[in-house]
Amino acid sequence: MKATIWHNPSCGTSRKTLALLAETPGMELTVVEYLVTPPSADKLAQLYRDAGMTPQQGLRLRGTDAEERGLPAAGDAQVLAAMVAEPRLIERPLVETDKGVRLCRPQEKVHEIL
């Protein structure tokens, strides 16, 4: 099975999810440090669509100024543009496999797509 994780090595939940993926037998894992290599707006839109969530639901509020900027109530295009411009606004970790996409908070949610 192939999996891609949009990872922040400073985040404990992201590290725990990465460890779960790395421990999965036969896993072909791609790790994208999204703060260094942010996904495009199109890729983010696809990830959220495949996860069954809105961009607003994928917005990181803790430790950001997203609420002050009104992003939770903003339209999809505005939220996605803000995330691309400032990837710290992306809640993590996002994991994509052939079985779907999950925002793995808590990290055990990754099991839904393995």
C-alpha atoms as a PDB file:
ATOM      1  CA  MET A   1       0.000   0.000   0.000  1.00  0.00           C
ATOM      2  CA  LYS A   2       1.116   3.552  -0.729  1.00  0.00           C
ATOM      3  CA  ALA A   3       0.564   6.455   1.641  1.00  0.00           C
ATOM      4  CA  THR A   4       1.451  10.124   1.645  1.00  0.00           C
ATOM      5  CA  ILE A   5       1.561  12.092   4.878  1.00  0.00           C
ATOM      6  CA  TRP A   6       1.639  15.888   4.987  1.00  0.00           C
ATOM      7  CA  HIS A   7       3.834  16.074   8.042  1.00  0.00           C
ATOM      8  CA  ASN A   8       5.136  18.605  10.527  1.00  0.00           C
ATOM      9  CA  PRO A   9       8.054  17.092  12.464  1.00  0.00           C
ATOM     10  CA  SER A  10       7.436  19.553  15.327  1.00  0.00           C
ATOM     11  CA  CYS A  11       3.938  18.146  15.922  1.00  0.00           C
ATOM     12  CA  GLY A  12       3.564  15.190  18.283  1.00  0.00           C
ATOM     13  CA  THR A  13       0.382  13.924  16.623  1.00  0.00           C
ATOM     14  CA  SER A  14       2.056  14.104  13.231  1.00  0.00           C
ATOM     15  CA  ARG A  15       5.094  12.191  14.529  1.00  0.00           C
ATOM     16  CA  LYS A  16       2.866   9.508  16.092  1.00  0.00           C
ATOM     17  CA  THR A  17       0.893   9.128  12.858  1.00  0.00           C
ATOM     18  CA  LEU A  18       4.112   8.841  10.876  1.00  0.00           C
ATOM     19  CA  ALA A  19       5.302   6.125  13.272  1.00  0.00           C
ATOM     20  CA  LEU A  20       2.050   4.180  12.777  1.00  0.00           C
ATOM     21  CA  LEU A  21       2.495   4.372   9.009  1.00  0.00           C
ATOM     22  CA  ALA A  22       6.174   3.404   9.188  1.00  0.00           C
ATOM     23  CA  GLU A  23       5.274   0.336  11.287  1.00  0.00           C
ATOM     24  CA  THR A  24       2.702  -0.872   8.742  1.00  0.00           C
ATOM     25  CA  PRO A  25       4.085  -3.876   6.827  1.00  0.00           C
ATOM     26  CA  GLY A  26       4.461  -3.312   3.090  1.00  0.00           C
ATOM     27  CA  MET A  27       3.884   0.447   3.335  1.00  0.00           C
ATOM     28  CA  GLU A  28       5.396   2.636   0.605  1.00  0.00           C
ATOM     29  CA  LEU A  29       5.502   5.927   2.438  1.00  0.00           C
ATOM     30  CA  THR A  30       5.984   9.426   1.058  1.00  0.00           C
ATOM     31  CA  VAL A  31       6.577  12.139   3.637  1.00  0.00           C
ATOM     32  CA  VAL A  32       5.906  15.731   2.633  1.00  0.00           C
ATOM     33  CA  GLU A  33       6.986  18.385   5.111  1.00  0.00           C
ATOM     34  CA  TYR A  34       4.210  20.763   4.132  1.00  0.00           C
ATOM     35  CA  LEU A  35       5.764  23.768   5.849  1.00  0.00           C
ATOM     36  CA  VAL A  36       8.732  23.410   3.450  1.00  0.00           C
ATOM     37  CA  THR A  37       6.787  22.139   0.419  1.00  0.00           C
ATOM     38  CA  PRO A  38       3.166  23.273   0.741  1.00  0.00           C
ATOM     39  CA  PRO A  39       0.485  21.612  -1.359  1.00  0.00           C
ATOM     40  CA  SER A  40      -1.261  23.638  -4.044  1.00  0.00           C
ATOM     41  CA  ALA A  41      -4.768  24.965  -3.548  1.00  0.00           C
ATOM     42  CA  ASP A  42      -6.017  22.317  -6.000  1.00  0.00           C
ATOM     43  CA  LYS A  43      -4.304  19.527  -4.054  1.00  0.00           C
ATOM     44  CA  LEU A  44      -5.675  20.801  -0.748  1.00  0.00           C
ATOM     45  CA  ALA A  45      -9.180  21.033  -2.224  1.00  0.00           C
ATOM     46  CA  GLN A  46      -8.875  17.430  -3.466  1.00  0.00           C
ATOM     47  CA  LEU A  47      -7.592  16.200  -0.087  1.00  0.00           C
ATOM     48  CA  TYR A  48     -10.437  17.844   1.820  1.00  0.00           C
ATOM     49  CA  ARG A  49     -13.024  16.661  -0.709  1.00  0.00           C
ATOM     50  CA  ASP A  50     -11.712  13.085  -0.468  1.00  0.00           C
ATOM     51  CA  ALA A  51     -11.710  13.327   3.336  1.00  0.00           C
ATOM     52  CA  GLY A  52     -15.349  14.483   3.284  1.00  0.00           C
ATOM     53  CA  MET A  53     -14.554  17.782   4.922  1.00  0.00           C
ATOM     54  CA  THR A  54     -14.427  21.460   4.058  1.00  0.00           C
ATOM     55  CA  PRO A  55     -11.284  23.576   3.886  1.00  0.00           C
ATOM     56  CA  GLN A  56     -12.597  25.422   6.936  1.00  0.00           C
ATOM     57  CA  GLN A  57     -12.621  22.122   8.868  1.00  0.00           C
ATOM     58  CA  GLY A  58      -8.990  21.619   7.870  1.00  0.00           C
ATOM     59  CA  LEU A  59      -7.955  25.029   9.161  1.00  0.00           C
ATOM     60  CA  ARG A  60      -5.532  25.087  12.070  1.00  0.00           C
ATOM     61  CA  LEU A  61      -6.844  27.494  14.692  1.00  0.00           C
ATOM     62  CA  ARG A  62      -4.491  26.788  17.576  1.00  0.00           C
ATOM     63  CA  GLY A  63      -1.357  28.911  17.423  1.00  0.00           C
ATOM     64  CA  THR A  64      -2.503  30.858  14.361  1.00  0.00           C
ATOM     65  CA  ASP A  65      -4.377  34.073  13.648  1.00  0.00           C
ATOM     66  CA  ALA A  66      -7.016  32.274  11.546  1.00  0.00           C
ATOM     67  CA  GLU A  67      -9.922  33.306  13.770  1.00  0.00           C
ATOM     68  CA  GLU A  68      -8.812  36.938  13.938  1.00  0.00           C
ATOM     69  CA  ARG A  69      -8.645  36.955  10.144  1.00  0.00           C
ATOM     70  CA  GLY A  70     -12.174  35.565   9.874  1.00  0.00           C
ATOM     71  CA  LEU A  71     -11.009  32.459   8.015  1.00  0.00           C
ATOM     72  CA  PRO A  72     -13.378  29.968   9.709  1.00  0.00           C
ATOM     73  CA  ALA A  73     -16.291  31.868   8.126  1.00  0.00           C
ATOM     74  CA  ALA A  74     -14.548  32.641   4.818  1.00  0.00           C
ATOM     75  CA  GLY A  75     -15.229  30.942   1.502  1.00  0.00           C
ATOM     76  CA  ASP A  76     -13.322  27.885   0.333  1.00  0.00           C
ATOM     77  CA  ALA A  77     -11.143  29.774  -2.157  1.00  0.00           C
ATOM     78  CA  GLN A  78     -10.077  32.340   0.440  1.00  0.00           C
ATOM     79  CA  VAL A  79      -9.247  29.639   3.018  1.00  0.00           C
ATOM     80  CA  LEU A  80      -7.275  27.579   0.489  1.00  0.00           C
ATOM     81  CA  ALA A  81      -5.362  30.660  -0.697  1.00  0.00           C
ATOM     82  CA  ALA A  82      -4.479  31.534   2.909  1.00  0.00           C
ATOM     83  CA  MET A  83      -3.272  27.959   3.526  1.00  0.00           C
ATOM     84  CA  VAL A  84      -1.058  27.998   0.439  1.00  0.00           C
ATOM     85  CA  ALA A  85       0.377  31.392   1.400  1.00  0.00           C
ATOM     86  CA  GLU A  86       0.840  30.378   5.052  1.00  0.00           C
ATOM     87  CA  PRO A  87       1.026  26.579   5.349  1.00  0.00           C
ATOM     88  CA  ARG A  88       1.032  26.795   9.151  1.00  0.00           C
ATOM     89  CA  LEU A  89      -2.734  27.311   8.742  1.00  0.00           C
ATOM     90  CA  ILE A  90      -3.088  23.692   7.549  1.00  0.00           C
ATOM     91  CA  GLU A  91      -4.163  21.338  10.342  1.00  0.00           C
ATOM     92  CA  ARG A  92      -2.007  18.254  10.416  1.00  0.00           C
ATOM     93  CA  PRO A  93      -1.365  15.521   9.668  1.00  0.00           C
ATOM     94  CA  LEU A  94      -3.252  14.756   6.485  1.00  0.00           C
ATOM     95  CA  VAL A  95      -2.753  11.218   5.176  1.00  0.00           C
ATOM     96  CA  GLU A  96      -3.761   9.945   1.732  1.00  0.00           C
ATOM     97  CA  THR A  97      -3.915   6.289   0.680  1.00  0.00           C
ATOM     98  CA  ASP A  98      -5.775   4.402  -2.043  1.00  0.00           C
ATOM     99  CA  LYS A  99      -8.585   3.973   0.498  1.00  0.00           C
ATOM    100  CA  GLY A 100      -9.068   7.682   1.126  1.00  0.00           C
ATOM    101  CA  VAL A 101      -7.847  10.707   3.036  1.00  0.00           C
ATOM    102  CA  ARG A 102      -8.020  11.484   6.729  1.00  0.00           C
ATOM    103  CA  LEU A 103      -7.036  14.350   8.953  1.00  0.00           C
ATOM    104  CA  CYS A 104      -5.431  12.132  11.583  1.00  0.00           C
ATOM    105  CA  ARG A 105      -6.386  13.878  14.794  1.00  0.00           C
ATOM    106  CA  PRO A 106      -6.197  11.704  16.814  1.00  0.00           C
ATOM    107  CA  GLN A 107      -3.517   9.650  15.097  1.00  0.00           C
ATOM    108  CA  GLU A 108      -5.597   6.447  15.299  1.00  0.00           C
ATOM    109  CA  LYS A 109      -7.845   7.811  12.540  1.00  0.00           C
ATOM    110  CA  VAL A 110      -5.152   6.676  10.095  1.00  0.00           C
ATOM    111  CA  HIS A 111      -6.358   3.079  10.634  1.00  0.00           C
ATOM    112  CA  GLU A 112      -9.580   3.988   8.768  1.00  0.00           C
ATOM    113  CA  ILE A 113      -7.643   4.225   5.503  1.00  0.00           C
ATOM    114  CA  LEU A 114      -5.130   1.395   5.907  1.00  0.00           C
END
